[in-house]
Amino acid sequence: MGDSTTVPDFAEEFARAAESFVELDHVLWDPISTATLARSRPHFDERVLDACCGDGASALPTAELVGVGGRVDAVDLAKPMIELVRSRAGERMPQLQAHVADVTEWEADGYDLVQCVLGIFFLPDIEAGTRHLIERARPGGRVVVTVWARGAWEPLPELLVAALPEADRPDLEELSRPAIEVADTAGTLAHWLTELGLEQVRAESVQRHLDLTPELAWLLVRGTGLRAIVSGLDGDELAGVRERYLAAIADRELHSVDVTTLIAAGHRPDGPAAE
């Protein structure tokens, strides 16, 4: 989540959280990816860049849609995630090529579609990195970006920080948020992407809440960027954090968490400005 997520060094944390990340596929990542693909609309024989692809929740169905005549380059910094993508694709999807790489240094371009599902948070410079992704699309090509909406995940990060041993608590004022401040509503996201060079941008909010059981509440810590908040704790410390965190959720009578996303789709200019 980057300026973004709840902590620094998300790629490393997601690499360590790969197994728990997968456990959230059905309840979290797959529905978000499905909503994104309904708007990015991959077609037969298209070339697609799936940036910050994670475990392939969007890259795999995209590869099925473009068929063997197309190509999907799935790029992520976390090697364990790319290994998951390759394992899931097996030999049945020669059109899916998974790469351990920094997408901000990815030089291939001319893609019919560039999509990034909850990935721009990982970019060290979100504005420059997003502009780089836009430039990977061919003139007239589609670019689709999914981000967290304002208020998503609240108040879980704060409750988790409060559950830490006092000496390990980061300053709440410095705690990064899941949403990007300049693009945390459909309107501001569309405006921001237009300023970065896209045309005909349409953005919408996809509202969703997850019912919070104790098991899911802790899995959301182990399998998302929240994990970085508890990074470095030993087993006893982690058990204590879990107990206090779940007790705080119960005390607040939190029965659900907002995981609303914003999905924006636009086109790279088709003309001299895009060249």
C-alpha atoms as a PDB file:
ATOM      1  CA  MET A   1       0.000   0.000   0.000  1.00  0.00           C
ATOM      2  CA  GLY A   2       2.805   2.899  -0.476  1.00  0.00           C
ATOM      3  CA  ASP A   3       2.396   6.579   0.414  1.00  0.00           C
ATOM      4  CA  SER A   4       0.473   4.200   0.090  1.00  0.00           C
ATOM      5  CA  THR A   5       0.623   1.219   2.238  1.00  0.00           C
ATOM      6  CA  THR A   6       0.937   0.815   5.885  1.00  0.00           C
ATOM      7  CA  VAL A   7       4.690   0.307   5.904  1.00  0.00           C
ATOM      8  CA  PRO A   8       7.925   0.538   4.043  1.00  0.00           C
ATOM      9  CA  ASP A   9       9.395  -2.246   1.926  1.00  0.00           C
ATOM     10  CA  PHE A  10       6.183  -3.888   0.876  1.00  0.00           C
ATOM     11  CA  ALA A  11       7.664  -6.123  -1.803  1.00  0.00           C
ATOM     12  CA  GLU A  12       9.849  -7.814   0.789  1.00  0.00           C
ATOM     13  CA  GLU A  13       6.944  -8.233   3.189  1.00  0.00           C
ATOM     14  CA  PHE A  14       4.691  -9.669   0.486  1.00  0.00           C
ATOM     15  CA  ALA A  15       7.427 -12.122  -0.429  1.00  0.00           C
ATOM     16  CA  ARG A  16       7.475 -13.374   3.151  1.00  0.00           C
ATOM     17  CA  ALA A  17       3.673 -13.417   3.246  1.00  0.00           C
ATOM     18  CA  ALA A  18       3.156 -15.360   0.021  1.00  0.00           C
ATOM     19  CA  GLU A  19       1.388 -18.334   1.586  1.00  0.00           C
ATOM     20  CA  SER A  20      -1.016 -16.185   3.617  1.00  0.00           C
ATOM     21  CA  PHE A  21      -1.519 -13.914   0.613  1.00  0.00           C
ATOM     22  CA  VAL A  22      -2.849 -16.887  -1.350  1.00  0.00           C
ATOM     23  CA  GLU A  23      -5.258 -17.745   1.454  1.00  0.00           C
ATOM     24  CA  LEU A  24      -6.956 -14.412   0.777  1.00  0.00           C
ATOM     25  CA  ASP A  25      -7.478 -15.063  -2.936  1.00  0.00           C
ATOM     26  CA  HIS A  26     -11.080 -16.202  -2.724  1.00  0.00           C
ATOM     27  CA  VAL A  27     -12.261 -13.593  -0.248  1.00  0.00           C
ATOM     28  CA  LEU A  28     -10.232 -10.558  -1.335  1.00  0.00           C
ATOM     29  CA  TRP A  29      -7.875 -10.635  -4.322  1.00  0.00           C
ATOM     30  CA  ASP A  30      -9.980 -12.609  -6.805  1.00  0.00           C
ATOM     31  CA  PRO A  31     -13.119 -10.431  -6.524  1.00  0.00           C
ATOM     32  CA  ILE A  32     -11.028  -7.273  -6.906  1.00  0.00           C
ATOM     33  CA  SER A  33      -9.267  -8.704  -9.949  1.00  0.00           C
ATOM     34  CA  THR A  34     -12.566  -9.815 -11.478  1.00  0.00           C
ATOM     35  CA  ALA A  35     -13.962  -6.302 -11.076  1.00  0.00           C
ATOM     36  CA  THR A  36     -10.840  -4.875 -12.702  1.00  0.00           C
ATOM     37  CA  LEU A  37     -10.960  -7.230 -15.685  1.00  0.00           C
ATOM     38  CA  ALA A  38     -14.614  -6.357 -16.229  1.00  0.00           C
ATOM     39  CA  ARG A  39     -13.319  -2.862 -16.979  1.00  0.00           C
ATOM     40  CA  SER A  40      -9.978  -3.592 -18.637  1.00  0.00           C
ATOM     41  CA  ARG A  41     -11.618  -6.139 -20.969  1.00  0.00           C
ATOM     42  CA  PRO A  42      -8.650  -8.121 -22.292  1.00  0.00           C
ATOM     43  CA  HIS A  43      -9.309  -9.383 -25.838  1.00  0.00           C
ATOM     44  CA  PHE A  44      -8.035 -12.261 -27.951  1.00  0.00           C
ATOM     45  CA  ASP A  45      -4.496 -11.810 -29.266  1.00  0.00           C
ATOM     46  CA  GLU A  46      -3.756  -8.678 -27.216  1.00  0.00           C
ATOM     47  CA  ARG A  47      -0.425  -7.897 -25.584  1.00  0.00           C
ATOM     48  CA  VAL A  48      -0.884  -7.069 -21.907  1.00  0.00           C
ATOM     49  CA  LEU A  49       1.402  -5.843 -19.139  1.00  0.00           C
ATOM     50  CA  ASP A  50       0.167  -6.866 -15.701  1.00  0.00           C
ATOM     51  CA  ALA A  51       2.263  -4.722 -13.360  1.00  0.00           C
ATOM     52  CA  CYS A  52       2.887  -5.682  -9.721  1.00  0.00           C
ATOM     53  CA  CYS A  53       1.057  -8.915 -10.457  1.00  0.00           C
ATOM     54  CA  GLY A  54       1.283 -10.561  -7.037  1.00  0.00           C
ATOM     55  CA  ASP A  55       0.214 -14.196  -7.153  1.00  0.00           C
ATOM     56  CA  GLY A  56      -1.473 -13.795 -10.535  1.00  0.00           C
ATOM     57  CA  ALA A  57      -5.048 -13.075  -9.472  1.00  0.00           C
ATOM     58  CA  SER A  58      -5.455 -10.765 -12.473  1.00  0.00           C
ATOM     59  CA  ALA A  59      -2.680 -12.062 -14.750  1.00  0.00           C
ATOM     60  CA  LEU A  60      -3.981 -15.625 -14.967  1.00  0.00           C
ATOM     61  CA  PRO A  61      -7.560 -14.830 -16.063  1.00  0.00           C
ATOM     62  CA  THR A  62      -6.147 -12.190 -18.400  1.00  0.00           C
ATOM     63  CA  ALA A  63      -3.975 -14.838 -20.054  1.00  0.00           C
ATOM     64  CA  GLU A  64      -7.031 -17.025 -20.547  1.00  0.00           C
ATOM     65  CA  LEU A  65      -8.858 -14.140 -22.219  1.00  0.00           C
ATOM     66  CA  VAL A  66      -6.076 -13.165 -24.636  1.00  0.00           C
ATOM     67  CA  GLY A  67      -5.553 -16.805 -25.654  1.00  0.00           C
ATOM     68  CA  VAL A  68      -2.446 -18.408 -27.077  1.00  0.00           C
ATOM     69  CA  GLY A  69      -2.265 -15.753 -29.778  1.00  0.00           C
ATOM     70  CA  GLY A  70      -1.766 -13.043 -27.180  1.00  0.00           C
ATOM     71  CA  ARG A  71       0.835 -12.413 -24.524  1.00  0.00           C
ATOM     72  CA  VAL A  72       0.716 -11.360 -20.892  1.00  0.00           C
ATOM     73  CA  ASP A  73       3.868 -10.114 -19.187  1.00  0.00           C
ATOM     74  CA  ALA A  74       3.272 -10.476 -15.443  1.00  0.00           C
ATOM     75  CA  VAL A  75       5.875  -8.488 -13.506  1.00  0.00           C
ATOM     76  CA  ASP A  76       6.567  -8.389  -9.773  1.00  0.00           C
ATOM     77  CA  LEU A  77       9.591  -7.778  -7.566  1.00  0.00           C
ATOM     78  CA  ALA A  78       8.729 -10.624  -5.193  1.00  0.00           C
ATOM     79  CA  LYS A  79      10.207 -13.901  -6.427  1.00  0.00           C
ATOM     80  CA  PRO A  80       7.864 -16.111  -4.314  1.00  0.00           C
ATOM     81  CA  MET A  81       4.877 -14.422  -5.967  1.00  0.00           C
ATOM     82  CA  ILE A  82       6.264 -14.988  -9.451  1.00  0.00           C
ATOM     83  CA  GLU A  83       6.943 -18.613  -8.583  1.00  0.00           C
ATOM     84  CA  LEU A  84       3.273 -18.923  -7.630  1.00  0.00           C
ATOM     85  CA  VAL A  85       2.222 -17.430 -10.955  1.00  0.00           C
ATOM     86  CA  ARG A  86       4.445 -19.842 -12.871  1.00  0.00           C
ATOM     87  CA  SER A  87       3.218 -22.819 -10.849  1.00  0.00           C
ATOM     88  CA  ARG A  88      -0.412 -21.912 -11.414  1.00  0.00           C
ATOM     89  CA  ALA A  89       0.064 -21.336 -15.121  1.00  0.00           C
ATOM     90  CA  GLY A  90       2.069 -24.523 -15.656  1.00  0.00           C
ATOM     91  CA  GLU A  91       2.412 -25.462 -19.297  1.00  0.00           C
ATOM     92  CA  ARG A  92      -1.192 -24.699 -20.199  1.00  0.00           C
ATOM     93  CA  MET A  93      -0.574 -20.964 -20.676  1.00  0.00           C
ATOM     94  CA  PRO A  94       2.445 -20.364 -22.899  1.00  0.00           C
ATOM     95  CA  GLN A  95       1.081 -16.863 -23.464  1.00  0.00           C
ATOM     96  CA  LEU A  96       1.726 -15.956 -19.812  1.00  0.00           C
ATOM     97  CA  GLN A  97       5.300 -14.910 -19.106  1.00  0.00           C
ATOM     98  CA  ALA A  98       6.098 -14.154 -15.464  1.00  0.00           C
ATOM     99  CA  HIS A  99       9.086 -11.976 -14.606  1.00  0.00           C
ATOM    100  CA  VAL A 100      10.880 -11.084 -11.388  1.00  0.00           C
ATOM    101  CA  ALA A 101      11.619  -7.446 -12.176  1.00  0.00           C
ATOM    102  CA  ASP A 102      11.179  -3.839 -11.131  1.00  0.00           C
ATOM    103  CA  VAL A 103       8.289  -2.606 -13.220  1.00  0.00           C
ATOM    104  CA  THR A 104       9.562   0.971 -12.975  1.00  0.00           C
ATOM    105  CA  GLU A 105      12.534  -0.201 -15.059  1.00  0.00           C
ATOM    106  CA  TRP A 106      10.483  -2.307 -17.469  1.00  0.00           C
ATOM    107  CA  GLU A 107      11.363  -1.068 -20.934  1.00  0.00           C
ATOM    108  CA  ALA A 108       9.065  -3.094 -23.219  1.00  0.00           C
ATOM    109  CA  ASP A 109       6.216  -1.026 -24.577  1.00  0.00           C
ATOM    110  CA  GLY A 110       3.531  -1.060 -27.245  1.00  0.00           C
ATOM    111  CA  TYR A 111       1.062  -2.981 -25.065  1.00  0.00           C
ATOM    112  CA  ASP A 112      -2.607  -3.003 -26.010  1.00  0.00           C
ATOM    113  CA  LEU A 113      -3.432  -3.005 -22.300  1.00  0.00           C
ATOM    114  CA  VAL A 114      -1.475  -2.073 -19.189  1.00  0.00           C
ATOM    115  CA  GLN A 115      -3.171  -2.950 -15.918  1.00  0.00           C
ATOM    116  CA  CYS A 116      -2.060  -2.590 -12.321  1.00  0.00           C
ATOM    117  CA  VAL A 117      -4.279  -3.989  -9.581  1.00  0.00           C
ATOM    118  CA  LEU A 118      -3.420  -2.486  -6.179  1.00  0.00           C
ATOM    119  CA  GLY A 119       0.190  -2.218  -7.269  1.00  0.00           C
ATOM    120  CA  ILE A 120       1.076   1.429  -7.685  1.00  0.00           C
ATOM    121  CA  PHE A 121       1.329   1.660  -3.878  1.00  0.00           C
ATOM    122  CA  PHE A 122       4.571  -0.311  -4.182  1.00  0.00           C
ATOM    123  CA  LEU A 123       6.238   2.152  -6.526  1.00  0.00           C
ATOM    124  CA  PRO A 124       8.948   4.201  -4.799  1.00  0.00           C
ATOM    125  CA  ASP A 125       7.766   7.323  -6.639  1.00  0.00           C
ATOM    126  CA  ILE A 126       4.083   6.753  -7.299  1.00  0.00           C
ATOM    127  CA  GLU A 127       3.636   9.599  -9.768  1.00  0.00           C
ATOM    128  CA  ALA A 128       6.748   8.851 -11.829  1.00  0.00           C
ATOM    129  CA  GLY A 129       6.106   5.116 -11.676  1.00  0.00           C
ATOM    130  CA  THR A 130       2.510   5.453 -12.824  1.00  0.00           C
ATOM    131  CA  ARG A 131       3.575   7.695 -15.674  1.00  0.00           C
ATOM    132  CA  HIS A 132       6.124   5.038 -16.669  1.00  0.00           C
ATOM    133  CA  LEU A 133       3.358   2.430 -16.760  1.00  0.00           C
ATOM    134  CA  ILE A 134       1.201   4.671 -18.929  1.00  0.00           C
ATOM    135  CA  GLU A 135       4.083   4.979 -21.357  1.00  0.00           C
ATOM    136  CA  ARG A 136       4.260   1.181 -21.715  1.00  0.00           C
ATOM    137  CA  ALA A 137       0.919   1.262 -23.562  1.00  0.00           C
ATOM    138  CA  ARG A 138       0.824   1.794 -27.302  1.00  0.00           C
ATOM    139  CA  PRO A 139      -0.713   5.034 -28.603  1.00  0.00           C
ATOM    140  CA  GLY A 140      -4.442   4.537 -28.147  1.00  0.00           C
ATOM    141  CA  GLY A 141      -3.850   1.599 -25.808  1.00  0.00           C
ATOM    142  CA  ARG A 142      -5.794   1.096 -22.591  1.00  0.00           C
ATOM    143  CA  VAL A 143      -4.464   1.665 -19.074  1.00  0.00           C
ATOM    144  CA  VAL A 144      -6.412   0.435 -16.047  1.00  0.00           C
ATOM    145  CA  VAL A 145      -5.453   1.159 -12.441  1.00  0.00           C
ATOM    146  CA  THR A 146      -7.066  -0.165  -9.266  1.00  0.00           C
ATOM    147  CA  VAL A 147      -6.403   1.484  -5.893  1.00  0.00           C
ATOM    148  CA  TRP A 148      -7.907   1.480  -2.418  1.00  0.00           C
ATOM    149  CA  ALA A 149     -10.628   4.025  -1.739  1.00  0.00           C
ATOM    150  CA  ARG A 150     -10.589   6.574   1.043  1.00  0.00           C
ATOM    151  CA  GLY A 151     -11.465   4.865   4.305  1.00  0.00           C
ATOM    152  CA  ALA A 152     -10.501   1.376   3.172  1.00  0.00           C
ATOM    153  CA  TRP A 153      -9.086  -0.810   5.952  1.00  0.00           C
ATOM    154  CA  GLU A 154      -9.836   1.681   8.705  1.00  0.00           C
ATOM    155  CA  PRO A 155      -9.361   1.349  11.625  1.00  0.00           C
ATOM    156  CA  LEU A 156      -7.346  -1.887  11.399  1.00  0.00           C
ATOM    157  CA  PRO A 157      -3.876  -0.329  10.920  1.00  0.00           C
ATOM    158  CA  GLU A 158      -4.315   1.893  13.972  1.00  0.00           C
ATOM    159  CA  LEU A 159      -5.621  -0.966  16.101  1.00  0.00           C
ATOM    160  CA  LEU A 160      -2.710  -3.139  15.058  1.00  0.00           C
ATOM    161  CA  VAL A 161      -0.166  -0.434  15.893  1.00  0.00           C
ATOM    162  CA  ALA A 162      -1.802   0.087  19.289  1.00  0.00           C
ATOM    163  CA  ALA A 163      -1.450  -3.650  19.956  1.00  0.00           C
ATOM    164  CA  LEU A 164       2.333  -3.540  19.502  1.00  0.00           C
ATOM    165  CA  PRO A 165       4.721  -3.395  22.450  1.00  0.00           C
ATOM    166  CA  GLU A 166       5.026   0.308  23.207  1.00  0.00           C
ATOM    167  CA  ALA A 167       8.704   0.472  22.244  1.00  0.00           C
ATOM    168  CA  ASP A 168       7.924  -0.909  18.778  1.00  0.00           C
ATOM    169  CA  ARG A 169       5.070   1.432  17.879  1.00  0.00           C
ATOM    170  CA  PRO A 170       5.638   3.729  14.907  1.00  0.00           C
ATOM    171  CA  ASP A 171       4.389   7.287  15.045  1.00  0.00           C
ATOM    172  CA  LEU A 172       0.766   7.197  13.930  1.00  0.00           C
ATOM    173  CA  GLU A 173       1.311  10.457  12.066  1.00  0.00           C
ATOM    174  CA  GLU A 174       3.961   8.711   9.978  1.00  0.00           C
ATOM    175  CA  LEU A 175       1.918   5.570   9.393  1.00  0.00           C
ATOM    176  CA  SER A 176       1.191   5.289   5.683  1.00  0.00           C
ATOM    177  CA  ARG A 177      -2.406   4.848   4.596  1.00  0.00           C
ATOM    178  CA  PRO A 178      -3.814   2.323   2.164  1.00  0.00           C
ATOM    179  CA  ALA A 179      -5.265   5.034  -0.049  1.00  0.00           C
ATOM    180  CA  ILE A 180      -3.330   7.554  -2.137  1.00  0.00           C
ATOM    181  CA  GLU A 181      -4.265  10.944  -0.766  1.00  0.00           C
ATOM    182  CA  VAL A 182      -4.398  12.690  -4.147  1.00  0.00           C
ATOM    183  CA  ALA A 183      -6.418   9.869  -5.703  1.00  0.00           C
ATOM    184  CA  ASP A 184      -8.659   8.365  -3.044  1.00  0.00           C
ATOM    185  CA  THR A 185     -12.033   9.023  -4.682  1.00  0.00           C
ATOM    186  CA  ALA A 186     -13.240   8.170  -8.166  1.00  0.00           C
ATOM    187  CA  GLY A 187     -13.139  11.823  -9.167  1.00  0.00           C
ATOM    188  CA  THR A 188      -9.662  12.560  -7.841  1.00  0.00           C
ATOM    189  CA  LEU A 189      -8.278   9.330  -9.304  1.00  0.00           C
ATOM    190  CA  ALA A 190      -9.632  10.185 -12.760  1.00  0.00           C
ATOM    191  CA  HIS A 191      -8.252  13.718 -12.507  1.00  0.00           C
ATOM    192  CA  TRP A 192      -4.836  12.495 -11.332  1.00  0.00           C
ATOM    193  CA  LEU A 193      -4.486   9.983 -14.152  1.00  0.00           C
ATOM    194  CA  THR A 194      -5.553  12.593 -16.677  1.00  0.00           C
ATOM    195  CA  GLU A 195      -2.819  14.882 -15.394  1.00  0.00           C
ATOM    196  CA  LEU A 196      -0.343  12.020 -15.823  1.00  0.00           C
ATOM    197  CA  GLY A 197      -1.220  11.706 -19.502  1.00  0.00           C
ATOM    198  CA  LEU A 198      -4.295   9.521 -19.956  1.00  0.00           C
ATOM    199  CA  GLU A 199      -7.346  10.506 -21.978  1.00  0.00           C
ATOM    200  CA  GLN A 200     -11.015   9.557 -21.697  1.00  0.00           C
ATOM    201  CA  VAL A 201     -10.507   8.421 -18.109  1.00  0.00           C
ATOM    202  CA  ARG A 202     -13.485   6.916 -16.334  1.00  0.00           C
ATOM    203  CA  ALA A 203     -13.246   5.900 -12.698  1.00  0.00           C
ATOM    204  CA  GLU A 204     -15.722   4.325 -10.366  1.00  0.00           C
ATOM    205  CA  SER A 205     -15.948   3.037  -6.840  1.00  0.00           C
ATOM    206  CA  VAL A 206     -16.514  -0.675  -6.280  1.00  0.00           C
ATOM    207  CA  GLN A 207     -17.896  -0.900  -2.778  1.00  0.00           C
ATOM    208  CA  ARG A 208     -17.269  -3.985  -0.706  1.00  0.00           C
ATOM    209  CA  HIS A 209     -17.047  -5.011   2.933  1.00  0.00           C
ATOM    210  CA  LEU A 210     -15.683  -8.181   4.475  1.00  0.00           C
ATOM    211  CA  ASP A 211     -17.287  -9.788   7.501  1.00  0.00           C
ATOM    212  CA  LEU A 212     -14.662  -9.806  10.232  1.00  0.00           C
ATOM    213  CA  THR A 213     -14.194 -13.071  12.063  1.00  0.00           C
ATOM    214  CA  PRO A 214     -11.169 -13.383  14.366  1.00  0.00           C
ATOM    215  CA  GLU A 215      -9.590 -15.770  11.851  1.00  0.00           C
ATOM    216  CA  LEU A 216     -10.028 -13.382   8.935  1.00  0.00           C
ATOM    217  CA  ALA A 217      -8.950 -10.353  10.970  1.00  0.00           C
ATOM    218  CA  TRP A 218      -5.614 -12.010  11.713  1.00  0.00           C
ATOM    219  CA  LEU A 219      -5.234 -13.391   8.194  1.00  0.00           C
ATOM    220  CA  LEU A 220      -5.560  -9.831   6.914  1.00  0.00           C
ATOM    221  CA  VAL A 221      -2.495  -9.035   9.010  1.00  0.00           C
ATOM    222  CA  ARG A 222      -0.499 -12.045   7.840  1.00  0.00           C
ATOM    223  CA  GLY A 223      -1.433 -11.827   4.163  1.00  0.00           C
ATOM    224  CA  THR A 224      -1.463  -8.104   3.329  1.00  0.00           C
ATOM    225  CA  GLY A 225       0.760  -5.088   3.775  1.00  0.00           C
ATOM    226  CA  LEU A 226      -0.370  -4.917   7.411  1.00  0.00           C
ATOM    227  CA  ARG A 227       2.192  -7.659   7.975  1.00  0.00           C
ATOM    228  CA  ALA A 228       5.013  -5.131   7.862  1.00  0.00           C
ATOM    229  CA  ILE A 229       3.714  -3.514  11.051  1.00  0.00           C
ATOM    230  CA  VAL A 230       4.516  -6.700  12.988  1.00  0.00           C
ATOM    231  CA  SER A 231       7.681  -7.527  11.087  1.00  0.00           C
ATOM    232  CA  GLY A 232      10.582  -8.484  13.331  1.00  0.00           C
ATOM    233  CA  LEU A 233       8.538  -9.561  16.350  1.00  0.00           C
ATOM    234  CA  ASP A 234       9.366 -12.914  17.915  1.00  0.00           C
ATOM    235  CA  GLY A 235       6.786 -15.623  18.481  1.00  0.00           C
ATOM    236  CA  ASP A 236       5.760 -14.560  21.993  1.00  0.00           C
ATOM    237  CA  GLU A 237       5.532 -10.906  21.004  1.00  0.00           C
ATOM    238  CA  LEU A 238       3.468 -11.759  17.953  1.00  0.00           C
ATOM    239  CA  ALA A 239       1.083 -13.873  20.036  1.00  0.00           C
ATOM    240  CA  GLY A 240       0.609 -10.943  22.388  1.00  0.00           C
ATOM    241  CA  VAL A 241      -0.068  -8.559  19.523  1.00  0.00           C
ATOM    242  CA  ARG A 242      -2.611 -10.956  18.058  1.00  0.00           C
ATOM    243  CA  GLU A 243      -4.436 -11.222  21.382  1.00  0.00           C
ATOM    244  CA  ARG A 244      -4.556  -7.462  21.954  1.00  0.00           C
ATOM    245  CA  TYR A 245      -5.462  -6.717  18.332  1.00  0.00           C
ATOM    246  CA  LEU A 246      -8.391  -9.117  18.272  1.00  0.00           C
ATOM    247  CA  ALA A 247      -9.535  -7.889  21.687  1.00  0.00           C
ATOM    248  CA  ALA A 248      -9.541  -4.302  20.377  1.00  0.00           C
ATOM    249  CA  ILE A 249     -11.648  -5.356  17.386  1.00  0.00           C
ATOM    250  CA  ALA A 250     -14.110  -7.050  19.741  1.00  0.00           C
ATOM    251  CA  ASP A 251     -14.181  -4.053  22.082  1.00  0.00           C
ATOM    252  CA  ARG A 252     -14.936  -1.730  19.158  1.00  0.00           C
ATOM    253  CA  GLU A 253     -17.639  -4.165  18.003  1.00  0.00           C
ATOM    254  CA  LEU A 254     -16.193  -4.168  14.501  1.00  0.00           C
ATOM    255  CA  HIS A 255     -18.090  -6.717  12.468  1.00  0.00           C
ATOM    256  CA  SER A 256     -16.812  -5.774   9.033  1.00  0.00           C
ATOM    257  CA  VAL A 257     -13.991  -3.946   7.276  1.00  0.00           C
ATOM    258  CA  ASP A 258     -14.291  -1.687   4.240  1.00  0.00           C
ATOM    259  CA  VAL A 259     -12.266  -2.978   1.268  1.00  0.00           C
ATOM    260  CA  THR A 260     -13.754  -0.622  -1.313  1.00  0.00           C
ATOM    261  CA  THR A 261     -11.604  -0.064  -4.379  1.00  0.00           C
ATOM    262  CA  LEU A 262     -11.461   2.532  -7.131  1.00  0.00           C
ATOM    263  CA  ILE A 263     -10.979   1.360 -10.716  1.00  0.00           C
ATOM    264  CA  ALA A 264      -9.991   3.810 -13.422  1.00  0.00           C
ATOM    265  CA  ALA A 265      -9.688   3.077 -17.144  1.00  0.00           C
ATOM    266  CA  GLY A 266      -8.301   5.413 -19.769  1.00  0.00           C
ATOM    267  CA  HIS A 267      -6.379   5.548 -23.024  1.00  0.00           C
ATOM    268  CA  ARG A 268      -2.914   6.682 -23.881  1.00  0.00           C
ATOM    269  CA  PRO A 269      -3.197   9.541 -26.383  1.00  0.00           C
ATOM    270  CA  ASP A 270      -3.257   8.322 -29.980  1.00  0.00           C
ATOM    271  CA  GLY A 271      -1.085  10.831 -31.755  1.00  0.00           C
ATOM    272  CA  PRO A 272       2.161  12.794 -31.650  1.00  0.00           C
ATOM    273  CA  ALA A 273       1.890  13.508 -27.914  1.00  0.00           C
ATOM    274  CA  ALA A 274       2.114   9.774 -27.219  1.00  0.00           C
ATOM    275  CA  GLU A 275       5.116   9.177 -29.398  1.00  0.00           C
END
